[in-house]
Amino acid sequence: MKIIYKYEIKLEFGLQKIELPFGAEILSVQMQADSLCIWALINPKTNVKTIRIIDIIATGIYIHDIKKFQYHNTFIGTVQYEGYVFHVFISNE
């Protein structure tokens, strides 16, 4: 049995941590009102948590070590808010 949960994250550049159940499948990242949210398909009976790293990068910002960045991150979506465009990535488990 699985369920979809919503997790709010900060709308700010750079790295931040989020705790998710192990095996969570990211479905979407979008704005809901003024909050940046991630929706994930999880097993609610999973007691094992994992720390994942969220990286938010604005359009036009240089990524200095692209090979390391691509290896450790998965793109989960682009969000537009108040005229800005943000690209959201999450670390691999």
PDB file of N, CA and C in Angstrom:
ATOM      1  N   MET A   1       0.847  -1.168   0.000  1.00  0.00           N
ATOM      2  CA  MET A   1       0.000   0.000   0.000  1.00  0.00           C
ATOM      3  C   MET A   1       0.902   1.243   0.000  1.00  0.00           C
ATOM      4  N   LYS A   2       0.585   2.201  -0.837  1.00  0.00           N
ATOM      5  CA  LYS A   2       1.347   3.444  -0.900  1.00  0.00           C
ATOM      6  C   LYS A   2       0.397   4.623  -0.821  1.00  0.00           C
ATOM      7  N   ILE A   3       0.969   5.779  -0.520  1.00  0.00           N
ATOM      8  CA  ILE A   3       0.192   6.999  -0.363  1.00  0.00           C
ATOM      9  C   ILE A   3       1.051   8.167  -0.860  1.00  0.00           C
ATOM     10  N   ILE A   4       0.407   9.235  -1.293  1.00  0.00           N
ATOM     11  CA  ILE A   4       1.142  10.426  -1.719  1.00  0.00           C
ATOM     12  C   ILE A   4       1.147  11.421  -0.563  1.00  0.00           C
ATOM     13  N   TYR A   5       2.352  11.865  -0.203  1.00  0.00           N
ATOM     14  CA  TYR A   5       2.526  12.884   0.836  1.00  0.00           C
ATOM     15  C   TYR A   5       3.128  14.131   0.219  1.00  0.00           C
ATOM     16  N   LYS A   6       2.852  15.252   0.849  1.00  0.00           N
ATOM     17  CA  LYS A   6       3.416  16.541   0.434  1.00  0.00           C
ATOM     18  C   LYS A   6       4.444  16.980   1.473  1.00  0.00           C
ATOM     19  N   TYR A   7       5.569  17.499   0.976  1.00  0.00           N
ATOM     20  CA  TYR A   7       6.630  18.004   1.838  1.00  0.00           C
ATOM     21  C   TYR A   7       6.965  19.425   1.401  1.00  0.00           C
ATOM     22  N   GLU A   8       6.898  20.371   2.315  1.00  0.00           N
ATOM     23  CA  GLU A   8       7.256  21.754   1.999  1.00  0.00           C
ATOM     24  C   GLU A   8       8.762  21.927   2.130  1.00  0.00           C
ATOM     25  N   ILE A   9       9.344  22.655   1.174  1.00  0.00           N
ATOM     26  CA  ILE A   9      10.759  22.988   1.233  1.00  0.00           C
ATOM     27  C   ILE A   9      10.901  24.496   1.097  1.00  0.00           C
ATOM     28  N   LYS A  10      12.059  25.001   1.472  1.00  0.00           N
ATOM     29  CA  LYS A  10      12.307  26.442   1.405  1.00  0.00           C
ATOM     30  C   LYS A  10      12.558  26.861  -0.036  1.00  0.00           C
ATOM     31  N   LEU A  11      12.011  27.982  -0.414  1.00  0.00           N
ATOM     32  CA  LEU A  11      12.255  28.540  -1.741  1.00  0.00           C
ATOM     33  C   LEU A  11      13.459  29.473  -1.630  1.00  0.00           C
ATOM     34  N   GLU A  12      14.645  28.837  -1.629  1.00  0.00           N
ATOM     35  CA  GLU A  12      15.885  29.596  -1.551  1.00  0.00           C
ATOM     36  C   GLU A  12      16.973  28.844  -2.304  1.00  0.00           C
ATOM     37  N   PHE A  13      17.917  29.609  -2.825  1.00  0.00           N
ATOM     38  CA  PHE A  13      19.002  28.992  -3.598  1.00  0.00           C
ATOM     39  C   PHE A  13      19.919  28.194  -2.703  1.00  0.00           C
ATOM     40  N   GLY A  14      20.530  27.185  -3.307  1.00  0.00           N
ATOM     41  CA  GLY A  14      21.515  26.398  -2.585  1.00  0.00           C
ATOM     42  C   GLY A  14      20.935  25.117  -2.037  1.00  0.00           C
ATOM     43  N   LEU A  15      21.701  24.519  -1.141  1.00  0.00           N
ATOM     44  CA  LEU A  15      21.385  23.193  -0.628  1.00  0.00           C
ATOM     45  C   LEU A  15      20.546  23.260   0.638  1.00  0.00           C
ATOM     46  N   GLN A  16      19.644  22.291   0.763  1.00  0.00           N
ATOM     47  CA  GLN A  16      18.877  22.120   1.998  1.00  0.00           C
ATOM     48  C   GLN A  16      18.556  20.642   2.152  1.00  0.00           C
ATOM     49  N   LYS A  17      18.351  20.222   3.381  1.00  0.00           N
ATOM     50  CA  LYS A  17      18.069  18.817   3.677  1.00  0.00           C
ATOM     51  C   LYS A  17      16.576  18.606   3.838  1.00  0.00           C
ATOM     52  N   ILE A  18      16.148  17.409   3.425  1.00  0.00           N
ATOM     53  CA  ILE A  18      14.762  17.001   3.637  1.00  0.00           C
ATOM     54  C   ILE A  18      14.782  15.529   4.053  1.00  0.00           C
ATOM     55  N   GLU A  19      13.982  15.205   5.056  1.00  0.00           N
ATOM     56  CA  GLU A  19      13.884  13.820   5.505  1.00  0.00           C
ATOM     57  C   GLU A  19      12.683  13.170   4.829  1.00  0.00           C
ATOM     58  N   LEU A  20      12.941  12.055   4.149  1.00  0.00           N
ATOM     59  CA  LEU A  20      11.891  11.315   3.460  1.00  0.00           C
ATOM     60  C   LEU A  20      11.961   9.845   3.864  1.00  0.00           C
ATOM     61  N   PRO A  21      10.857   9.129   3.765  1.00  0.00           N
ATOM     62  CA  PRO A  21      10.917   7.688   3.973  1.00  0.00           C
ATOM     63  C   PRO A  21      11.808   7.055   2.902  1.00  0.00           C
ATOM     64  N   PHE A  22      12.571   6.057   3.293  1.00  0.00           N
ATOM     65  CA  PHE A  22      13.429   5.370   2.333  1.00  0.00           C
ATOM     66  C   PHE A  22      12.572   4.812   1.192  1.00  0.00           C
ATOM     67  N   GLY A  23      13.030   4.992  -0.025  1.00  0.00           N
ATOM     68  CA  GLY A  23      12.314   4.495  -1.189  1.00  0.00           C
ATOM     69  C   GLY A  23      11.259   5.450  -1.725  1.00  0.00           C
ATOM     70  N   ALA A  24      11.164   6.657  -1.169  1.00  0.00           N
ATOM     71  CA  ALA A  24      10.173   7.627  -1.644  1.00  0.00           C
ATOM     72  C   ALA A  24      10.412   7.926  -3.120  1.00  0.00           C
ATOM     73  N   GLU A  25       9.344   7.950  -3.878  1.00  0.00           N
ATOM     74  CA  GLU A  25       9.409   8.261  -5.308  1.00  0.00           C
ATOM     75  C   GLU A  25       8.868   9.674  -5.511  1.00  0.00           C
ATOM     76  N   ILE A  26       9.740  10.576  -5.944  1.00  0.00           N
ATOM     77  CA  ILE A  26       9.338  11.957  -6.157  1.00  0.00           C
ATOM     78  C   ILE A  26       8.431  12.029  -7.382  1.00  0.00           C
ATOM     79  N   LEU A  27       7.276  12.644  -7.214  1.00  0.00           N
ATOM     80  CA  LEU A  27       6.310  12.757  -8.298  1.00  0.00           C
ATOM     81  C   LEU A  27       6.308  14.135  -8.949  1.00  0.00           C
ATOM     82  N   SER A  28       6.442  15.184  -8.105  1.00  0.00           N
ATOM     83  CA  SER A  28       6.304  16.532  -8.633  1.00  0.00           C
ATOM     84  C   SER A  28       6.881  17.537  -7.654  1.00  0.00           C
ATOM     85  N   VAL A  29       7.266  18.686  -8.187  1.00  0.00           N
ATOM     86  CA  VAL A  29       7.633  19.836  -7.374  1.00  0.00           C
ATOM     87  C   VAL A  29       6.912  21.034  -7.984  1.00  0.00           C
ATOM     88  N   GLN A  30       6.173  21.769  -7.135  1.00  0.00           N
ATOM     89  CA  GLN A  30       5.386  22.902  -7.615  1.00  0.00           C
ATOM     90  C   GLN A  30       5.173  23.889  -6.481  1.00  0.00           C
ATOM     91  N   MET A  31       4.741  25.074  -6.878  1.00  0.00           N
ATOM     92  CA  MET A  31       4.316  26.058  -5.890  1.00  0.00           C
ATOM     93  C   MET A  31       2.868  25.749  -5.511  1.00  0.00           C
ATOM     94  N   GLN A  32       2.570  25.846  -4.223  1.00  0.00           N
ATOM     95  CA  GLN A  32       1.191  25.793  -3.739  1.00  0.00           C
ATOM     96  C   GLN A  32       1.012  27.038  -2.887  1.00  0.00           C
ATOM     97  N   ALA A  33       0.245  27.978  -3.419  1.00  0.00           N
ATOM     98  CA  ALA A  33       0.161  29.325  -2.829  1.00  0.00           C
ATOM     99  C   ALA A  33       1.572  29.909  -2.826  1.00  0.00           C
ATOM    100  N   ASP A  34       2.111  30.254  -1.666  1.00  0.00           N
ATOM    101  CA  ASP A  34       3.464  30.807  -1.591  1.00  0.00           C
ATOM    102  C   ASP A  34       4.480  29.801  -1.069  1.00  0.00           C
ATOM    103  N   SER A  35       4.162  28.514  -1.101  1.00  0.00           N
ATOM    104  CA  SER A  35       5.063  27.477  -0.591  1.00  0.00           C
ATOM    105  C   SER A  35       5.553  26.590  -1.726  1.00  0.00           C
ATOM    106  N   LEU A  36       6.840  26.246  -1.665  1.00  0.00           N
ATOM    107  CA  LEU A  36       7.405  25.290  -2.613  1.00  0.00           C
ATOM    108  C   LEU A  36       7.227  23.900  -2.012  1.00  0.00           C
ATOM    109  N   CYS A  37       6.597  23.002  -2.763  1.00  0.00           N
ATOM    110  CA  CYS A  37       6.251  21.684  -2.237  1.00  0.00           C
ATOM    111  C   CYS A  37       6.728  20.572  -3.165  1.00  0.00           C
ATOM    112  N   ILE A  38       7.069  19.463  -2.541  1.00  0.00           N
ATOM    113  CA  ILE A  38       7.396  18.233  -3.258  1.00  0.00           C
ATOM    114  C   ILE A  38       6.331  17.214  -2.893  1.00  0.00           C
ATOM    115  N   TRP A  39       5.829  16.510  -3.894  1.00  0.00           N
ATOM    116  CA  TRP A  39       4.903  15.404  -3.662  1.00  0.00           C
ATOM    117  C   TRP A  39       5.647  14.117  -3.947  1.00  0.00           C
ATOM    118  N   ALA A  40       5.494  13.161  -3.034  1.00  0.00           N
ATOM    119  CA  ALA A  40       6.212  11.894  -3.166  1.00  0.00           C
ATOM    120  C   ALA A  40       5.279  10.729  -2.866  1.00  0.00           C
ATOM    121  N   LEU A  41       5.475   9.660  -3.599  1.00  0.00           N
ATOM    122  CA  LEU A  41       4.765   8.405  -3.369  1.00  0.00           C
ATOM    123  C   LEU A  41       5.588   7.611  -2.365  1.00  0.00           C
ATOM    124  N   ILE A  42       4.981   7.309  -1.219  1.00  0.00           N
ATOM    125  CA  ILE A  42       5.718   6.623  -0.155  1.00  0.00           C
ATOM    126  C   ILE A  42       4.942   5.423   0.363  1.00  0.00           C
ATOM    127  N   ASN A  43       5.664   4.573   1.042  1.00  0.00           N
ATOM    128  CA  ASN A  43       5.046   3.487   1.799  1.00  0.00           C
ATOM    129  C   ASN A  43       4.913   3.995   3.233  1.00  0.00           C
ATOM    130  N   PRO A  44       3.689   4.245   3.719  1.00  0.00           N
ATOM    131  CA  PRO A  44       3.532   4.824   5.056  1.00  0.00           C
ATOM    132  C   PRO A  44       3.990   3.900   6.186  1.00  0.00           C
ATOM    133  N   LYS A  45       4.199   2.636   5.893  1.00  0.00           N
ATOM    134  CA  LYS A  45       4.656   1.693   6.917  1.00  0.00           C
ATOM    135  C   LYS A  45       6.180   1.646   7.020  1.00  0.00           C
ATOM    136  N   THR A  46       6.875   2.350   6.127  1.00  0.00           N
ATOM    137  CA  THR A  46       8.334   2.376   6.161  1.00  0.00           C
ATOM    138  C   THR A  46       8.796   3.240   7.327  1.00  0.00           C
ATOM    139  N   ASN A  47       9.522   2.634   8.239  1.00  0.00           N
ATOM    140  CA  ASN A  47      10.038   3.361   9.391  1.00  0.00           C
ATOM    141  C   ASN A  47      11.432   3.925   9.146  1.00  0.00           C
ATOM    142  N   VAL A  48      12.083   3.472   8.089  1.00  0.00           N
ATOM    143  CA  VAL A  48      13.432   3.928   7.786  1.00  0.00           C
ATOM    144  C   VAL A  48      13.350   5.249   7.035  1.00  0.00           C
ATOM    145  N   LYS A  49      14.024   6.249   7.574  1.00  0.00           N
ATOM    146  CA  LYS A  49      14.060   7.570   6.951  1.00  0.00           C
ATOM    147  C   LYS A  49      15.423   7.775   6.293  1.00  0.00           C
ATOM    148  N   THR A  50      15.437   8.633   5.305  1.00  0.00           N
ATOM    149  CA  THR A  50      16.685   8.976   4.641  1.00  0.00           C
ATOM    150  C   THR A  50      16.740  10.489   4.466  1.00  0.00           C
ATOM    151  N   ILE A  51      17.915  11.037   4.572  1.00  0.00           N
ATOM    152  CA  ILE A  51      18.112  12.464   4.352  1.00  0.00           C
ATOM    153  C   ILE A  51      18.497  12.653   2.895  1.00  0.00           C
ATOM    154  N   ARG A  52      17.737  13.466   2.195  1.00  0.00           N
ATOM    155  CA  ARG A  52      18.033  13.799   0.805  1.00  0.00           C
ATOM    156  C   ARG A  52      18.372  15.282   0.758  1.00  0.00           C
ATOM    157  N   ILE A  53      19.194  15.648  -0.192  1.00  0.00           N
ATOM    158  CA  ILE A  53      19.619  17.033  -0.348  1.00  0.00           C
ATOM    159  C   ILE A  53      18.893  17.636  -1.542  1.00  0.00           C
ATOM    160  N   ILE A  54      18.245  18.763  -1.316  1.00  0.00           N
ATOM    161  CA  ILE A  54      17.574  19.520  -2.373  1.00  0.00           C
ATOM    162  C   ILE A  54      18.532  20.626  -2.819  1.00  0.00           C
ATOM    163  N   ASP A  55      18.644  20.828  -4.113  1.00  0.00           N
ATOM    164  CA  ASP A  55      19.461  21.907  -4.665  1.00  0.00           C
ATOM    165  C   ASP A  55      18.577  22.716  -5.607  1.00  0.00           C
ATOM    166  N   ILE A  56      18.457  24.006  -5.347  1.00  0.00           N
ATOM    167  CA  ILE A  56      17.641  24.884  -6.177  1.00  0.00           C
ATOM    168  C   ILE A  56      18.578  25.848  -6.900  1.00  0.00           C
ATOM    169  N   ILE A  57      18.479  25.846  -8.225  1.00  0.00           N
ATOM    170  CA  ILE A  57      19.364  26.654  -9.053  1.00  0.00           C
ATOM    171  C   ILE A  57      18.509  27.524  -9.959  1.00  0.00           C
ATOM    172  N   ALA A  58      18.840  28.795 -10.020  1.00  0.00           N
ATOM    173  CA  ALA A  58      18.107  29.721 -10.883  1.00  0.00           C
ATOM    174  C   ALA A  58      18.660  29.658 -12.299  1.00  0.00           C
ATOM    175  N   THR A  59      17.835  29.992 -13.262  1.00  0.00           N
ATOM    176  CA  THR A  59      18.278  30.086 -14.649  1.00  0.00           C
ATOM    177  C   THR A  59      19.415  31.095 -14.734  1.00  0.00           C
ATOM    178  N   GLY A  60      20.467  30.735 -15.479  1.00  0.00           N
ATOM    179  CA  GLY A  60      21.594  31.633 -15.702  1.00  0.00           C
ATOM    180  C   GLY A  60      22.702  31.536 -14.679  1.00  0.00           C
ATOM    181  N   ILE A  61      22.552  30.672 -13.683  1.00  0.00           N
ATOM    182  CA  ILE A  61      23.585  30.502 -12.654  1.00  0.00           C
ATOM    183  C   ILE A  61      24.541  29.389 -13.084  1.00  0.00           C
ATOM    184  N   TYR A  62      25.841  29.637 -12.965  1.00  0.00           N
ATOM    185  CA  TYR A  62      26.849  28.636 -13.342  1.00  0.00           C
ATOM    186  C   TYR A  62      26.870  27.465 -12.372  1.00  0.00           C
ATOM    187  N   ILE A  63      27.004  26.259 -12.924  1.00  0.00           N
ATOM    188  CA  ILE A  63      27.221  25.049 -12.136  1.00  0.00           C
ATOM    189  C   ILE A  63      28.687  24.684 -12.378  1.00  0.00           C
ATOM    190  N   HIS A  64      29.526  24.844 -11.350  1.00  0.00           N
ATOM    191  CA  HIS A  64      30.971  24.764 -11.526  1.00  0.00           C
ATOM    192  C   HIS A  64      31.489  23.357 -11.783  1.00  0.00           C
ATOM    193  N   ASP A  65      30.962  22.343 -11.131  1.00  0.00           N
ATOM    194  CA  ASP A  65      31.433  20.970 -11.316  1.00  0.00           C
ATOM    195  C   ASP A  65      30.271  20.134 -11.835  1.00  0.00           C
ATOM    196  N   ILE A  66      29.984  20.264 -13.136  1.00  0.00           N
ATOM    197  CA  ILE A  66      28.790  19.654 -13.720  1.00  0.00           C
ATOM    198  C   ILE A  66      28.802  18.130 -13.632  1.00  0.00           C
ATOM    199  N   LYS A  67      29.961  17.483 -13.764  1.00  0.00           N
ATOM    200  CA  LYS A  67      29.996  16.015 -13.685  1.00  0.00           C
ATOM    201  C   LYS A  67      29.610  15.538 -12.293  1.00  0.00           C
ATOM    202  N   LYS A  68      30.173  16.155 -11.267  1.00  0.00           N
ATOM    203  CA  LYS A  68      29.823  15.780  -9.889  1.00  0.00           C
ATOM    204  C   LYS A  68      28.355  16.095  -9.625  1.00  0.00           C
ATOM    205  N   PHE A  69      27.901  17.245 -10.100  1.00  0.00           N
ATOM    206  CA  PHE A  69      26.513  17.653  -9.913  1.00  0.00           C
ATOM    207  C   PHE A  69      25.556  16.640 -10.534  1.00  0.00           C
ATOM    208  N   GLN A  70      25.799  16.245 -11.777  1.00  0.00           N
ATOM    209  CA  GLN A  70      24.902  15.316 -12.471  1.00  0.00           C
ATOM    210  C   GLN A  70      24.917  13.933 -11.831  1.00  0.00           C
ATOM    211  N   TYR A  71      26.058  13.507 -11.322  1.00  0.00           N
ATOM    212  CA  TYR A  71      26.173  12.177 -10.722  1.00  0.00           C
ATOM    213  C   TYR A  71      25.369  12.084  -9.431  1.00  0.00           C
ATOM    214  N   HIS A  72      25.345  13.154  -8.670  1.00  0.00           N
ATOM    215  CA  HIS A  72      24.725  13.111  -7.345  1.00  0.00           C
ATOM    216  C   HIS A  72      23.289  13.628  -7.306  1.00  0.00           C
ATOM    217  N   ASN A  73      22.784  14.141  -8.427  1.00  0.00           N
ATOM    218  CA  ASN A  73      21.480  14.776  -8.399  1.00  0.00           C
ATOM    219  C   ASN A  73      20.563  14.313  -9.525  1.00  0.00           C
ATOM    220  N   THR A  74      19.272  14.323  -9.223  1.00  0.00           N
ATOM    221  CA  THR A  74      18.234  14.013 -10.196  1.00  0.00           C
ATOM    222  C   THR A  74      17.325  15.235 -10.319  1.00  0.00           C
ATOM    223  N   PHE A  75      17.078  15.656 -11.538  1.00  0.00           N
ATOM    224  CA  PHE A  75      16.186  16.779 -11.789  1.00  0.00           C
ATOM    225  C   PHE A  75      14.761  16.363 -11.458  1.00  0.00           C
ATOM    226  N   ILE A  76      14.045  17.210 -10.675  1.00  0.00           N
ATOM    227  CA  ILE A  76      12.658  16.874 -10.345  1.00  0.00           C
ATOM    228  C   ILE A  76      11.659  17.903 -10.847  1.00  0.00           C
ATOM    229  N   GLY A  77      12.145  19.046 -11.339  1.00  0.00           N
ATOM    230  CA  GLY A  77      11.186  19.968 -11.923  1.00  0.00           C
ATOM    231  C   GLY A  77      11.658  21.407 -11.974  1.00  0.00           C
ATOM    232  N   THR A  78      10.939  22.175 -12.769  1.00  0.00           N
ATOM    233  CA  THR A  78      11.163  23.609 -12.892  1.00  0.00           C
ATOM    234  C   THR A  78       9.940  24.324 -12.343  1.00  0.00           C
ATOM    235  N   VAL A  79      10.186  25.363 -11.564  1.00  0.00           N
ATOM    236  CA  VAL A  79       9.118  26.111 -10.910  1.00  0.00           C
ATOM    237  C   VAL A  79       9.274  27.585 -11.273  1.00  0.00           C
ATOM    238  N   GLN A  80       8.162  28.216 -11.617  1.00  0.00           N
ATOM    239  CA  GLN A  80       8.163  29.655 -11.871  1.00  0.00           C
ATOM    240  C   GLN A  80       7.399  30.339 -10.746  1.00  0.00           C
ATOM    241  N   TYR A  81       8.012  31.427 -10.234  1.00  0.00           N
ATOM    242  CA  TYR A  81       7.396  32.142  -9.119  1.00  0.00           C
ATOM    243  C   TYR A  81       7.821  33.596  -9.161  1.00  0.00           C
ATOM    244  N   GLU A  82       6.843  34.476  -9.196  1.00  0.00           N
ATOM    245  CA  GLU A  82       7.067  35.918  -9.196  1.00  0.00           C
ATOM    246  C   GLU A  82       8.091  36.353 -10.242  1.00  0.00           C
ATOM    247  N   GLY A  83       8.002  35.785 -11.439  1.00  0.00           N
ATOM    248  CA  GLY A  83       8.870  36.166 -12.539  1.00  0.00           C
ATOM    249  C   GLY A  83      10.217  35.462 -12.575  1.00  0.00           C
ATOM    250  N   TYR A  84      10.511  34.646 -11.592  1.00  0.00           N
ATOM    251  CA  TYR A  84      11.778  33.913 -11.550  1.00  0.00           C
ATOM    252  C   TYR A  84      11.542  32.464 -11.948  1.00  0.00           C
ATOM    253  N   VAL A  85      12.601  31.816 -12.441  1.00  0.00           N
ATOM    254  CA  VAL A  85      12.524  30.408 -12.826  1.00  0.00           C
ATOM    255  C   VAL A  85      13.571  29.635 -12.030  1.00  0.00           C
ATOM    256  N   PHE A  86      13.119  28.643 -11.282  1.00  0.00           N
ATOM    257  CA  PHE A  86      13.976  27.833 -10.431  1.00  0.00           C
ATOM    258  C   PHE A  86      13.960  26.389 -10.929  1.00  0.00           C
ATOM    259  N   HIS A  87      15.125  25.748 -10.892  1.00  0.00           N
ATOM    260  CA  HIS A  87      15.251  24.351 -11.295  1.00  0.00           C
ATOM    261  C   HIS A  87      15.626  23.561 -10.048  1.00  0.00           C
ATOM    262  N   VAL A  88      14.841  22.536  -9.763  1.00  0.00           N
ATOM    263  CA  VAL A  88      14.969  21.809  -8.485  1.00  0.00           C
ATOM    264  C   VAL A  88      15.523  20.414  -8.743  1.00  0.00           C
ATOM    265  N   PHE A  89      16.548  20.082  -7.967  1.00  0.00           N
ATOM    266  CA  PHE A  89      17.217  18.781  -8.051  1.00  0.00           C
ATOM    267  C   PHE A  89      17.210  18.142  -6.678  1.00  0.00           C
ATOM    268  N   ILE A  90      17.280  16.804  -6.645  1.00  0.00           N
ATOM    269  CA  ILE A  90      17.346  16.083  -5.371  1.00  0.00           C
ATOM    270  C   ILE A  90      18.462  15.059  -5.455  1.00  0.00           C
ATOM    271  N   SER A  91      19.161  14.866  -4.328  1.00  0.00           N
ATOM    272  CA  SER A  91      20.255  13.886  -4.300  1.00  0.00           C
ATOM    273  C   SER A  91      19.695  12.485  -4.470  1.00  0.00           C
ATOM    274  N   ASN A  92      20.503  11.623  -5.042  1.00  0.00           N
ATOM    275  CA  ASN A  92      20.136  10.224  -5.192  1.00  0.00           C
ATOM    276  C   ASN A  92      20.289   9.515  -3.856  1.00  0.00           C
ATOM    277  N   GLU A  93      19.485   8.460  -3.639  1.00  0.00           N
ATOM    278  CA  GLU A  93      19.584   7.694  -2.386  1.00  0.00           C
ATOM    279  C   GLU A  93      20.850   6.875  -2.391  1.00  0.00           C
TER     280      GLU A  93
END
